[in-house]
N, C-alpha and C. Protein backbone atom coordinates (compact mmCIF):
# COMPACT_ATOMS: atom_id res chain seq x y z
N MET A 1 -16.59 70.93 34.16
CA MET A 1 -15.37 70.28 33.67
C MET A 1 -15.37 70.32 32.15
N THR A 2 -14.16 70.19 31.53
CA THR A 2 -14.07 70.18 30.07
C THR A 2 -14.96 69.08 29.52
N GLU A 3 -15.76 69.43 28.53
CA GLU A 3 -16.73 68.48 28.01
C GLU A 3 -16.04 67.28 27.38
N GLN A 4 -16.36 66.10 27.88
CA GLN A 4 -15.77 64.88 27.34
C GLN A 4 -16.24 64.69 25.91
N GLY A 5 -15.30 64.29 25.06
CA GLY A 5 -15.64 64.02 23.68
C GLY A 5 -15.55 65.24 22.79
N THR A 6 -15.58 66.46 23.37
CA THR A 6 -15.50 67.67 22.57
C THR A 6 -14.24 68.46 22.87
N GLY A 7 -13.72 68.33 24.07
CA GLY A 7 -12.54 69.08 24.46
C GLY A 7 -12.82 70.55 24.69
N ARG A 8 -14.08 70.95 24.70
CA ARG A 8 -14.41 72.36 24.87
C ARG A 8 -14.29 72.81 26.33
N ILE A 9 -13.83 74.03 26.52
CA ILE A 9 -13.72 74.62 27.84
C ILE A 9 -15.09 75.15 28.25
N THR A 10 -15.57 74.74 29.41
CA THR A 10 -16.88 75.19 29.85
C THR A 10 -16.74 76.41 30.75
N VAL A 11 -17.64 77.39 30.54
CA VAL A 11 -17.52 78.69 31.20
C VAL A 11 -18.84 79.08 31.85
N LEU A 12 -18.76 79.65 33.04
CA LEU A 12 -19.89 80.25 33.73
C LEU A 12 -19.65 81.76 33.79
N ILE A 13 -20.63 82.55 33.39
CA ILE A 13 -20.52 84.01 33.40
C ILE A 13 -21.34 84.57 34.55
N VAL A 14 -20.71 85.39 35.39
CA VAL A 14 -21.39 85.94 36.56
C VAL A 14 -21.25 87.47 36.55
N ASP A 15 -22.35 88.17 36.36
CA ASP A 15 -22.35 89.64 36.36
C ASP A 15 -23.76 90.13 36.60
N ASP A 16 -23.92 91.17 37.40
CA ASP A 16 -25.27 91.65 37.70
C ASP A 16 -25.84 92.53 36.59
N ASP A 17 -25.05 92.79 35.55
CA ASP A 17 -25.51 93.58 34.41
C ASP A 17 -25.90 92.63 33.27
N LEU A 18 -27.18 92.63 32.91
CA LEU A 18 -27.68 91.74 31.86
C LEU A 18 -26.96 91.98 30.54
N TYR A 19 -26.68 93.24 30.23
CA TYR A 19 -26.00 93.56 28.97
C TYR A 19 -24.62 92.92 28.93
N VAL A 20 -23.90 92.97 30.05
CA VAL A 20 -22.57 92.38 30.11
C VAL A 20 -22.66 90.87 29.92
N ARG A 21 -23.62 90.24 30.61
CA ARG A 21 -23.76 88.78 30.49
C ARG A 21 -24.05 88.38 29.04
N GLU A 22 -24.94 89.11 28.40
CA GLU A 22 -25.30 88.77 27.02
C GLU A 22 -24.14 89.04 26.07
N SER A 23 -23.43 90.15 26.29
CA SER A 23 -22.30 90.48 25.41
C SER A 23 -21.19 89.43 25.52
N LEU A 24 -20.87 89.05 26.75
CA LEU A 24 -19.84 88.03 26.94
C LEU A 24 -20.25 86.71 26.32
N SER A 25 -21.52 86.35 26.48
CA SER A 25 -22.02 85.11 25.89
C SER A 25 -21.88 85.14 24.37
N ASP A 26 -22.21 86.29 23.78
CA ASP A 26 -22.09 86.42 22.32
C ASP A 26 -20.64 86.32 21.87
N PHE A 27 -19.74 86.96 22.62
CA PHE A 27 -18.32 86.90 22.27
C PHE A 27 -17.83 85.46 22.26
N LEU A 28 -18.18 84.72 23.31
CA LEU A 28 -17.66 83.37 23.47
C LEU A 28 -18.32 82.36 22.54
N ALA A 29 -19.51 82.69 22.06
CA ALA A 29 -20.23 81.77 21.16
C ALA A 29 -19.44 81.54 19.88
N ALA A 30 -18.60 82.50 19.51
CA ALA A 30 -17.83 82.37 18.26
C ALA A 30 -16.59 81.50 18.42
N ALA A 31 -16.24 81.15 19.65
CA ALA A 31 -15.04 80.33 19.88
C ALA A 31 -15.42 78.86 19.84
N PRO A 32 -14.88 78.09 18.92
CA PRO A 32 -15.29 76.69 18.78
C PRO A 32 -14.90 75.79 19.95
N ASP A 33 -13.91 76.20 20.72
CA ASP A 33 -13.43 75.36 21.82
C ASP A 33 -13.95 75.80 23.18
N ILE A 34 -14.94 76.71 23.19
CA ILE A 34 -15.50 77.22 24.44
C ILE A 34 -17.03 77.10 24.39
N ARG A 35 -17.60 76.67 25.52
CA ARG A 35 -19.07 76.64 25.61
C ARG A 35 -19.50 77.28 26.92
N VAL A 36 -20.43 78.24 26.83
CA VAL A 36 -20.99 78.88 28.01
C VAL A 36 -22.04 77.95 28.61
N LEU A 37 -21.80 77.49 29.82
CA LEU A 37 -22.74 76.60 30.48
C LEU A 37 -23.97 77.35 30.97
N ASP A 38 -23.72 78.57 31.50
CA ASP A 38 -24.82 79.31 32.11
C ASP A 38 -24.35 80.71 32.42
N THR A 39 -25.30 81.59 32.74
CA THR A 39 -24.99 82.92 33.23
C THR A 39 -25.84 83.18 34.47
N CYS A 40 -25.36 84.03 35.36
CA CYS A 40 -26.15 84.38 36.54
C CYS A 40 -25.76 85.77 37.02
N ALA A 41 -26.57 86.34 37.92
CA ALA A 41 -26.45 87.75 38.26
C ALA A 41 -25.85 88.02 39.63
N ASP A 42 -25.56 86.99 40.43
CA ASP A 42 -24.94 87.26 41.73
C ASP A 42 -24.10 86.07 42.17
N GLY A 43 -23.22 86.35 43.14
CA GLY A 43 -22.27 85.35 43.57
C GLY A 43 -22.88 84.13 44.21
N ALA A 44 -23.99 84.31 44.94
CA ALA A 44 -24.62 83.18 45.62
C ALA A 44 -25.11 82.15 44.61
N VAL A 45 -25.73 82.64 43.54
CA VAL A 45 -26.19 81.72 42.49
C VAL A 45 -25.00 81.07 41.80
N ALA A 46 -23.93 81.84 41.61
CA ALA A 46 -22.73 81.29 40.97
C ALA A 46 -22.17 80.11 41.75
N VAL A 47 -22.13 80.23 43.07
CA VAL A 47 -21.63 79.14 43.90
C VAL A 47 -22.48 77.89 43.70
N ALA A 48 -23.80 78.07 43.65
CA ALA A 48 -24.69 76.93 43.43
C ALA A 48 -24.47 76.31 42.05
N ARG A 49 -24.25 77.15 41.03
CA ARG A 49 -24.03 76.65 39.67
C ARG A 49 -22.73 75.85 39.60
N VAL A 50 -21.70 76.33 40.28
CA VAL A 50 -20.43 75.61 40.28
C VAL A 50 -20.60 74.24 40.93
N ARG A 51 -21.34 74.21 42.02
CA ARG A 51 -21.58 72.93 42.70
C ARG A 51 -22.34 71.96 41.79
N GLU A 52 -23.24 72.49 40.97
CA GLU A 52 -24.06 71.63 40.10
C GLU A 52 -23.32 71.19 38.84
N SER A 53 -22.58 72.11 38.19
CA SER A 53 -22.07 71.82 36.86
C SER A 53 -20.56 71.83 36.71
N ALA A 54 -19.81 72.27 37.75
CA ALA A 54 -18.33 72.24 37.73
C ALA A 54 -17.74 72.79 36.44
N PRO A 55 -17.92 74.08 36.15
CA PRO A 55 -17.32 74.66 34.94
C PRO A 55 -15.80 74.70 35.05
N ASP A 56 -15.14 74.82 33.92
CA ASP A 56 -13.68 74.95 33.92
C ASP A 56 -13.26 76.35 34.36
N VAL A 57 -13.96 77.35 33.85
CA VAL A 57 -13.61 78.75 34.10
C VAL A 57 -14.86 79.53 34.49
N VAL A 58 -14.72 80.41 35.47
CA VAL A 58 -15.80 81.32 35.86
C VAL A 58 -15.35 82.74 35.61
N LEU A 59 -16.12 83.49 34.83
CA LEU A 59 -15.89 84.92 34.67
C LEU A 59 -16.71 85.61 35.74
N MET A 60 -16.06 86.22 36.72
CA MET A 60 -16.74 86.69 37.93
C MET A 60 -16.62 88.20 38.09
N ASP A 61 -17.77 88.87 38.06
CA ASP A 61 -17.80 90.29 38.38
C ASP A 61 -17.38 90.47 39.84
N ILE A 62 -16.77 91.59 40.16
CA ILE A 62 -16.31 91.82 41.53
C ILE A 62 -17.41 92.39 42.41
N HIS A 63 -18.07 93.44 41.92
CA HIS A 63 -19.07 94.15 42.73
C HIS A 63 -20.47 93.71 42.32
N MET A 64 -21.13 92.96 43.21
CA MET A 64 -22.47 92.47 42.94
C MET A 64 -23.29 92.50 44.22
N PRO A 65 -24.62 92.62 44.11
CA PRO A 65 -25.47 92.53 45.30
C PRO A 65 -25.56 91.08 45.79
N ILE A 66 -26.05 90.91 46.98
CA ILE A 66 -26.28 89.61 47.63
C ILE A 66 -24.95 88.97 48.05
N MET A 67 -24.08 88.69 47.09
CA MET A 67 -22.75 88.15 47.41
C MET A 67 -21.76 88.67 46.39
N ASP A 68 -20.68 89.30 46.86
CA ASP A 68 -19.71 89.88 45.93
C ASP A 68 -18.77 88.81 45.37
N GLY A 69 -17.94 89.23 44.43
CA GLY A 69 -17.08 88.27 43.74
C GLY A 69 -16.05 87.60 44.62
N ALA A 70 -15.48 88.36 45.58
CA ALA A 70 -14.44 87.77 46.44
C ALA A 70 -15.02 86.67 47.33
N GLN A 71 -16.17 86.93 47.93
CA GLN A 71 -16.78 85.92 48.79
C GLN A 71 -17.17 84.69 47.98
N ALA A 72 -17.75 84.92 46.80
CA ALA A 72 -18.14 83.80 45.95
C ALA A 72 -16.92 82.98 45.53
N THR A 73 -15.82 83.66 45.23
CA THR A 73 -14.60 82.97 44.82
C THR A 73 -14.06 82.09 45.94
N ARG A 74 -14.07 82.61 47.16
CA ARG A 74 -13.60 81.81 48.30
C ARG A 74 -14.43 80.53 48.45
N LEU A 75 -15.74 80.65 48.30
CA LEU A 75 -16.61 79.48 48.43
C LEU A 75 -16.39 78.50 47.29
N ILE A 76 -16.19 79.04 46.09
CA ILE A 76 -15.94 78.17 44.93
C ILE A 76 -14.64 77.39 45.11
N MET A 77 -13.61 78.04 45.65
CA MET A 77 -12.34 77.35 45.88
C MET A 77 -12.50 76.23 46.89
N GLN A 78 -13.41 76.39 47.84
CA GLN A 78 -13.67 75.33 48.81
C GLN A 78 -14.40 74.17 48.15
N ILE A 79 -15.28 74.46 47.21
CA ILE A 79 -16.04 73.43 46.52
C ILE A 79 -15.15 72.66 45.54
N ASP A 80 -14.39 73.42 44.73
CA ASP A 80 -13.56 72.79 43.70
C ASP A 80 -12.38 73.70 43.36
N PRO A 81 -11.22 73.48 43.98
CA PRO A 81 -10.05 74.33 43.74
C PRO A 81 -9.56 74.29 42.29
N ALA A 82 -10.02 73.32 41.51
CA ALA A 82 -9.58 73.22 40.12
C ALA A 82 -10.27 74.24 39.22
N VAL A 83 -11.39 74.80 39.67
CA VAL A 83 -12.09 75.82 38.88
C VAL A 83 -11.22 77.07 38.81
N ARG A 84 -11.10 77.63 37.61
CA ARG A 84 -10.30 78.83 37.42
C ARG A 84 -11.23 80.05 37.35
N VAL A 85 -11.13 80.92 38.34
CA VAL A 85 -11.97 82.12 38.39
C VAL A 85 -11.19 83.30 37.84
N LEU A 86 -11.78 84.00 36.87
CA LEU A 86 -11.20 85.24 36.34
C LEU A 86 -12.11 86.39 36.75
N ALA A 87 -11.56 87.35 37.47
CA ALA A 87 -12.34 88.50 37.92
C ALA A 87 -12.57 89.46 36.75
N LEU A 88 -13.74 90.07 36.73
CA LEU A 88 -14.06 91.12 35.76
C LEU A 88 -14.03 92.44 36.50
N SER A 89 -13.10 93.32 36.13
CA SER A 89 -12.90 94.54 36.92
C SER A 89 -12.94 95.79 36.05
N SER A 90 -13.06 96.92 36.72
CA SER A 90 -12.92 98.21 36.07
C SER A 90 -11.46 98.65 36.19
N PHE A 91 -11.00 99.47 35.27
CA PHE A 91 -9.62 99.93 35.29
C PHE A 91 -9.34 100.69 36.58
N GLY A 92 -8.22 100.34 37.25
CA GLY A 92 -7.83 101.05 38.46
C GLY A 92 -8.43 100.51 39.73
N ASP A 93 -9.24 99.45 39.63
CA ASP A 93 -9.89 98.89 40.83
C ASP A 93 -8.95 97.91 41.51
N ASP A 94 -7.74 98.37 41.84
CA ASP A 94 -6.67 97.47 42.26
C ASP A 94 -6.92 96.78 43.59
N GLU A 95 -7.47 97.50 44.55
CA GLU A 95 -7.69 96.90 45.87
C GLU A 95 -8.69 95.75 45.78
N ALA A 96 -9.77 95.96 45.04
CA ALA A 96 -10.78 94.90 44.89
C ALA A 96 -10.20 93.72 44.12
N VAL A 97 -9.38 94.00 43.12
CA VAL A 97 -8.73 92.93 42.35
C VAL A 97 -7.81 92.12 43.26
N ALA A 98 -7.03 92.82 44.10
CA ALA A 98 -6.13 92.13 45.01
C ALA A 98 -6.92 91.22 45.96
N ASP A 99 -8.08 91.67 46.39
CA ASP A 99 -8.94 90.84 47.25
C ASP A 99 -9.38 89.58 46.51
N MET A 100 -9.70 89.74 45.22
CA MET A 100 -10.10 88.58 44.42
C MET A 100 -8.95 87.58 44.29
N LEU A 101 -7.75 88.08 44.02
CA LEU A 101 -6.60 87.19 43.89
C LEU A 101 -6.31 86.49 45.21
N GLU A 102 -6.45 87.23 46.30
CA GLU A 102 -6.22 86.65 47.61
C GLU A 102 -7.28 85.58 47.92
N SER A 103 -8.45 85.74 47.35
CA SER A 103 -9.53 84.77 47.58
C SER A 103 -9.39 83.52 46.73
N GLY A 104 -8.46 83.55 45.77
CA GLY A 104 -8.22 82.36 44.96
C GLY A 104 -8.40 82.52 43.47
N ALA A 105 -8.73 83.73 43.01
CA ALA A 105 -8.90 83.95 41.57
C ALA A 105 -7.59 83.71 40.84
N ALA A 106 -7.69 83.21 39.60
CA ALA A 106 -6.52 82.91 38.79
C ALA A 106 -6.05 84.12 37.99
N GLY A 107 -6.70 85.25 38.18
CA GLY A 107 -6.34 86.45 37.44
C GLY A 107 -7.56 87.32 37.23
N PHE A 108 -7.41 88.31 36.37
CA PHE A 108 -8.55 89.20 36.12
C PHE A 108 -8.44 89.84 34.75
N LEU A 109 -9.57 90.37 34.32
CA LEU A 109 -9.66 91.04 33.03
C LEU A 109 -10.37 92.38 33.22
N ILE A 110 -9.92 93.39 32.49
CA ILE A 110 -10.63 94.66 32.47
C ILE A 110 -11.89 94.47 31.63
N LYS A 111 -12.99 95.09 32.04
CA LYS A 111 -14.27 94.85 31.36
C LYS A 111 -14.28 95.32 29.91
N THR A 112 -13.33 96.19 29.55
CA THR A 112 -13.27 96.65 28.17
C THR A 112 -12.35 95.77 27.31
N THR A 113 -11.95 94.62 27.84
CA THR A 113 -11.08 93.70 27.10
C THR A 113 -11.71 93.32 25.76
N ARG A 114 -10.91 93.31 24.72
CA ARG A 114 -11.40 92.93 23.39
C ARG A 114 -11.78 91.45 23.36
N PRO A 115 -12.76 91.09 22.54
CA PRO A 115 -13.23 89.70 22.51
C PRO A 115 -12.14 88.66 22.30
N HIS A 116 -11.22 88.90 21.37
CA HIS A 116 -10.19 87.89 21.12
C HIS A 116 -9.23 87.75 22.30
N VAL A 117 -9.01 88.85 23.02
CA VAL A 117 -8.16 88.78 24.22
C VAL A 117 -8.88 88.00 25.32
N LEU A 118 -10.19 88.22 25.43
CA LEU A 118 -11.00 87.48 26.40
C LEU A 118 -10.91 85.98 26.16
N VAL A 119 -11.06 85.59 24.91
CA VAL A 119 -11.01 84.16 24.57
C VAL A 119 -9.63 83.58 24.88
N ASP A 120 -8.58 84.31 24.51
CA ASP A 120 -7.22 83.84 24.79
C ASP A 120 -6.98 83.73 26.30
N ALA A 121 -7.53 84.67 27.07
CA ALA A 121 -7.35 84.65 28.52
C ALA A 121 -8.01 83.43 29.14
N ILE A 122 -9.19 83.09 28.65
CA ILE A 122 -9.89 81.91 29.16
C ILE A 122 -9.08 80.65 28.86
N ARG A 123 -8.55 80.57 27.66
CA ARG A 123 -7.73 79.40 27.31
C ARG A 123 -6.48 79.33 28.19
N SER A 124 -5.84 80.47 28.40
CA SER A 124 -4.62 80.50 29.20
C SER A 124 -4.91 80.13 30.65
N ALA A 125 -5.99 80.68 31.21
CA ALA A 125 -6.36 80.36 32.59
C ALA A 125 -6.66 78.88 32.74
N HIS A 126 -7.36 78.33 31.75
CA HIS A 126 -7.68 76.90 31.78
C HIS A 126 -6.42 76.05 31.76
N ASN A 127 -5.36 76.56 31.13
CA ASN A 127 -4.09 75.85 31.05
C ASN A 127 -3.19 76.11 32.25
N GLY A 128 -3.71 76.83 33.26
CA GLY A 128 -2.97 77.00 34.50
C GLY A 128 -2.20 78.29 34.64
N LEU A 129 -2.33 79.21 33.70
CA LEU A 129 -1.59 80.47 33.78
C LEU A 129 -2.36 81.50 34.60
N THR A 130 -1.62 82.43 35.20
CA THR A 130 -2.22 83.55 35.92
C THR A 130 -2.38 84.72 34.96
N ILE A 131 -3.57 85.31 34.93
CA ILE A 131 -3.88 86.35 33.95
C ILE A 131 -3.90 87.71 34.62
N VAL A 132 -2.97 88.59 34.22
CA VAL A 132 -2.93 89.96 34.71
C VAL A 132 -2.69 90.88 33.51
N PRO A 133 -3.58 91.85 33.25
CA PRO A 133 -3.40 92.76 32.12
C PRO A 133 -2.07 93.51 32.19
N SER A 134 -1.47 93.76 31.03
CA SER A 134 -0.15 94.39 30.98
C SER A 134 -0.15 95.78 31.60
N GLU A 135 -1.26 96.54 31.43
CA GLU A 135 -1.28 97.89 31.99
C GLU A 135 -1.27 97.86 33.52
N THR A 136 -1.81 96.79 34.08
CA THR A 136 -1.80 96.65 35.54
C THR A 136 -0.42 96.25 36.02
N LEU A 137 0.25 95.36 35.29
CA LEU A 137 1.61 94.98 35.65
C LEU A 137 2.54 96.19 35.68
N ARG A 138 2.31 97.14 34.77
CA ARG A 138 3.14 98.34 34.75
C ARG A 138 2.90 99.19 36.00
N ARG A 139 1.68 99.15 36.52
CA ARG A 139 1.39 99.91 37.74
C ARG A 139 1.87 99.16 38.98
N TRP A 140 1.82 97.83 38.94
CA TRP A 140 2.23 97.02 40.09
C TRP A 140 3.70 96.62 39.94
N THR A 141 4.58 97.60 39.93
CA THR A 141 6.00 97.32 39.77
C THR A 141 6.72 97.62 41.07
N PRO A 142 7.92 97.02 41.27
CA PRO A 142 8.67 97.29 42.50
C PRO A 142 8.88 98.79 42.70
N GLY A 143 8.73 99.26 43.93
CA GLY A 143 8.92 100.65 44.24
C GLY A 143 7.64 101.45 44.28
N THR A 144 6.52 100.86 43.84
CA THR A 144 5.24 101.54 43.92
C THR A 144 4.54 101.11 45.18
N ASN A 145 3.42 101.74 45.46
CA ASN A 145 2.63 101.39 46.64
C ASN A 145 1.52 100.40 46.32
N ARG A 146 1.54 99.87 45.10
CA ARG A 146 0.50 98.93 44.72
C ARG A 146 0.77 97.57 45.34
N ARG A 147 -0.30 96.81 45.54
CA ARG A 147 -0.13 95.45 46.03
C ARG A 147 0.33 94.56 44.90
N PRO A 148 1.04 93.48 45.16
CA PRO A 148 1.54 92.62 44.09
C PRO A 148 0.40 91.94 43.35
N ALA A 149 0.69 91.53 42.10
CA ALA A 149 -0.34 90.90 41.29
C ALA A 149 -0.84 89.62 41.94
N ILE A 150 0.04 88.92 42.63
CA ILE A 150 -0.37 87.73 43.36
C ILE A 150 -0.38 88.09 44.84
N ALA A 151 -1.57 88.18 45.41
CA ALA A 151 -1.69 88.60 46.80
C ALA A 151 -1.82 87.39 47.71
N LEU A 152 -1.05 87.38 48.80
CA LEU A 152 -1.09 86.31 49.77
C LEU A 152 -1.59 86.84 51.10
N THR A 153 -2.23 85.98 51.87
CA THR A 153 -2.66 86.36 53.20
C THR A 153 -1.45 86.44 54.12
N GLU A 154 -1.62 87.08 55.28
CA GLU A 154 -0.52 87.18 56.23
C GLU A 154 -0.03 85.79 56.66
N ARG A 155 -0.96 84.86 56.85
CA ARG A 155 -0.56 83.52 57.27
C ARG A 155 0.18 82.80 56.15
N GLU A 156 -0.27 82.98 54.90
CA GLU A 156 0.43 82.36 53.78
C GLU A 156 1.84 82.92 53.64
N LEU A 157 2.01 84.22 53.87
CA LEU A 157 3.34 84.82 53.81
C LEU A 157 4.25 84.25 54.90
N ARG A 158 3.69 84.04 56.08
CA ARG A 158 4.47 83.46 57.18
C ARG A 158 4.90 82.04 56.83
N VAL A 159 3.98 81.24 56.30
CA VAL A 159 4.32 79.88 55.86
C VAL A 159 5.40 79.94 54.77
N LEU A 160 5.24 80.88 53.84
CA LEU A 160 6.20 81.01 52.74
C LEU A 160 7.61 81.31 53.27
N HIS A 161 7.72 82.23 54.23
CA HIS A 161 9.03 82.56 54.77
C HIS A 161 9.65 81.37 55.52
N LEU A 162 8.84 80.64 56.26
CA LEU A 162 9.36 79.47 56.97
C LEU A 162 9.78 78.39 55.99
N LEU A 163 9.02 78.26 54.92
CA LEU A 163 9.36 77.31 53.86
C LEU A 163 10.71 77.69 53.24
N ALA A 164 10.89 78.98 52.99
CA ALA A 164 12.15 79.46 52.42
C ALA A 164 13.32 79.25 53.38
N ASP A 165 13.02 79.22 54.69
CA ASP A 165 14.07 78.97 55.69
C ASP A 165 14.43 77.50 55.80
N GLY A 166 13.72 76.64 55.04
CA GLY A 166 14.05 75.23 55.01
C GLY A 166 13.30 74.37 56.01
N LEU A 167 12.27 74.92 56.65
CA LEU A 167 11.52 74.14 57.62
C LEU A 167 10.59 73.15 56.93
N ASN A 168 10.40 71.97 57.55
CA ASN A 168 9.44 71.00 57.01
C ASN A 168 8.06 71.30 57.58
N ASN A 169 7.06 70.52 57.16
CA ASN A 169 5.68 70.77 57.58
C ASN A 169 5.52 70.74 59.09
N ARG A 170 6.15 69.77 59.73
CA ARG A 170 6.02 69.65 61.18
C ARG A 170 6.61 70.86 61.88
N GLN A 171 7.77 71.31 61.40
CA GLN A 171 8.41 72.47 62.02
C GLN A 171 7.63 73.75 61.78
N ILE A 172 7.04 73.87 60.58
CA ILE A 172 6.20 75.05 60.29
C ILE A 172 4.98 75.05 61.21
N GLY A 173 4.38 73.88 61.36
CA GLY A 173 3.21 73.78 62.23
C GLY A 173 3.54 74.15 63.67
N ALA A 174 4.71 73.69 64.15
CA ALA A 174 5.11 74.00 65.52
C ALA A 174 5.37 75.49 65.69
N ALA A 175 5.98 76.11 64.68
CA ALA A 175 6.31 77.53 64.77
C ALA A 175 5.07 78.41 64.74
N MET A 176 4.03 77.93 64.03
CA MET A 176 2.83 78.75 63.87
C MET A 176 1.64 78.22 64.66
N PHE A 177 1.88 77.16 65.44
CA PHE A 177 0.81 76.55 66.22
C PHE A 177 -0.35 76.10 65.32
N LEU A 178 0.01 75.41 64.24
CA LEU A 178 -0.97 74.91 63.28
C LEU A 178 -0.87 73.40 63.20
N SER A 179 -1.99 72.77 62.83
CA SER A 179 -1.99 71.33 62.63
C SER A 179 -1.31 71.00 61.31
N GLY A 180 -0.91 69.74 61.17
CA GLY A 180 -0.27 69.32 59.93
C GLY A 180 -1.17 69.50 58.72
N SER A 181 -2.46 69.21 58.88
CA SER A 181 -3.40 69.35 57.75
C SER A 181 -3.56 70.81 57.34
N THR A 182 -3.52 71.73 58.31
CA THR A 182 -3.63 73.14 58.00
C THR A 182 -2.40 73.63 57.24
N VAL A 183 -1.22 73.17 57.66
CA VAL A 183 0.00 73.53 56.94
C VAL A 183 -0.06 73.03 55.50
N LYS A 184 -0.49 71.77 55.33
CA LYS A 184 -0.62 71.22 53.97
C LYS A 184 -1.59 72.03 53.12
N SER A 185 -2.67 72.49 53.73
CA SER A 185 -3.66 73.29 53.01
C SER A 185 -3.04 74.61 52.55
N HIS A 186 -2.27 75.25 53.43
CA HIS A 186 -1.62 76.51 53.05
C HIS A 186 -0.59 76.28 51.94
N LEU A 187 0.15 75.18 52.02
CA LEU A 187 1.12 74.88 50.98
C LEU A 187 0.43 74.65 49.63
N SER A 188 -0.71 73.97 49.68
CA SER A 188 -1.47 73.75 48.46
C SER A 188 -1.94 75.07 47.86
N ASP A 189 -2.40 75.98 48.72
CA ASP A 189 -2.84 77.29 48.24
C ASP A 189 -1.67 78.07 47.64
N LEU A 190 -0.50 77.98 48.27
CA LEU A 190 0.68 78.66 47.75
C LEU A 190 1.08 78.11 46.38
N MET A 191 1.03 76.79 46.23
CA MET A 191 1.37 76.19 44.95
C MET A 191 0.42 76.65 43.85
N ARG A 192 -0.87 76.73 44.21
CA ARG A 192 -1.87 77.17 43.23
C ARG A 192 -1.67 78.63 42.87
N LYS A 193 -1.53 79.49 43.87
CA LYS A 193 -1.41 80.92 43.62
C LYS A 193 -0.12 81.28 42.88
N LEU A 194 0.97 80.55 43.19
CA LEU A 194 2.25 80.85 42.58
C LEU A 194 2.54 79.99 41.36
N ASP A 195 1.56 79.15 40.99
CA ASP A 195 1.69 78.30 39.80
C ASP A 195 2.96 77.45 39.88
N ALA A 196 3.15 76.78 41.02
CA ALA A 196 4.32 75.94 41.24
C ALA A 196 3.87 74.55 41.67
N ARG A 197 4.65 73.53 41.31
CA ARG A 197 4.26 72.15 41.60
C ARG A 197 5.02 71.55 42.78
N THR A 198 6.08 72.21 43.21
CA THR A 198 6.89 71.67 44.30
C THR A 198 7.15 72.76 45.33
N ARG A 199 7.64 72.34 46.51
CA ARG A 199 8.00 73.30 47.56
C ARG A 199 9.12 74.23 47.07
N THR A 200 10.08 73.64 46.40
CA THR A 200 11.18 74.44 45.87
C THR A 200 10.68 75.44 44.83
N GLY A 201 9.75 74.96 44.00
CA GLY A 201 9.18 75.84 42.99
C GLY A 201 8.44 77.02 43.60
N VAL A 202 7.76 76.79 44.72
CA VAL A 202 7.06 77.87 45.42
C VAL A 202 8.05 78.95 45.86
N VAL A 203 9.15 78.53 46.47
CA VAL A 203 10.15 79.49 46.96
C VAL A 203 10.79 80.23 45.79
N SER A 204 11.11 79.51 44.72
CA SER A 204 11.73 80.13 43.56
C SER A 204 10.81 81.17 42.93
N ARG A 205 9.55 80.78 42.79
CA ARG A 205 8.57 81.70 42.19
C ARG A 205 8.35 82.92 43.08
N ALA A 206 8.34 82.71 44.38
CA ALA A 206 8.15 83.82 45.32
C ALA A 206 9.30 84.82 45.22
N HIS A 207 10.54 84.30 45.05
CA HIS A 207 11.68 85.20 44.88
C HIS A 207 11.53 86.01 43.58
N GLU A 208 11.09 85.37 42.52
CA GLU A 208 10.90 86.06 41.25
C GLU A 208 9.91 87.20 41.38
N LEU A 209 8.86 86.99 42.16
CA LEU A 209 7.80 87.98 42.31
C LEU A 209 8.08 89.01 43.41
N GLY A 210 9.21 88.86 44.10
CA GLY A 210 9.54 89.80 45.15
C GLY A 210 8.71 89.64 46.41
N LEU A 211 8.15 88.44 46.61
CA LEU A 211 7.32 88.20 47.78
C LEU A 211 8.13 87.88 49.03
N LEU A 212 9.37 87.46 48.84
CA LEU A 212 10.22 87.11 49.98
C LEU A 212 11.14 88.29 50.29
N THR A 213 10.56 89.33 50.84
CA THR A 213 11.33 90.51 51.21
C THR A 213 12.08 90.26 52.50
N PRO A 214 13.20 90.93 52.71
CA PRO A 214 13.96 90.74 53.95
C PRO A 214 13.12 91.06 55.17
N ARG A 215 13.29 90.27 56.24
CA ARG A 215 12.53 90.49 57.47
C ARG A 215 13.45 91.01 58.57
N GLU A 216 12.86 91.77 59.48
CA GLU A 216 13.63 92.27 60.61
C GLU A 216 13.96 91.12 61.56
N PRO A 217 15.15 91.07 62.15
CA PRO A 217 15.47 90.04 63.13
C PRO A 217 14.56 90.13 64.32
N PRO A 218 14.23 89.01 64.95
CA PRO A 218 13.35 89.01 66.11
C PRO A 218 13.87 89.97 67.19
N GLY A 219 12.96 90.75 67.75
CA GLY A 219 13.30 91.64 68.84
C GLY A 219 13.89 92.96 68.41
N LYS A 220 14.11 93.14 67.11
CA LYS A 220 14.66 94.41 66.64
C LYS A 220 13.58 95.45 66.65
N PRO A 221 13.83 96.66 67.19
CA PRO A 221 12.80 97.70 67.25
C PRO A 221 12.52 98.27 65.89
């Protein structure tokens, strides 16, 4: 959590490359409002560190031994959904990045990101923004075969469409054979992923992102 009395953003760095961990630590050491709590080399250790120290932001490598970034992110979201995970990716690794976003990551950074951009991204993520590099946004545009910057699970998309149809939680649960608590959990995930505070905001944001595409009528071949 943000250090009381200092206002500094606390960061955990997770990467199986020692050079990357040390370089990132050095970059962030120059930022007066950021403090690196710890570094580790695999996702399993990262999950344990989050449980112990509750950092504000986790810089998470995607491809690691023992436990990869997506699995670690899912576990971290279960421990503390307030933690903001930023994936560290290679250029063009879109499928793996989409998996990270679907797992709950707040965005991602290319590993060649300049130090000042890295610092700004951490601050923005901590303030609730979704971080997607501009070059990736240009590739993930309508009409391409790329997955959207904000990836939702099939069940979340179904909840989203029912929400857009005006159904309440009870009606959504009945339509999907889900309990009320499960529907609430999916709505909470949608609000977090779409950076919206209300049900209406979720639907509005989904329309902006092109997530609410027209659906075929039931029974249509």
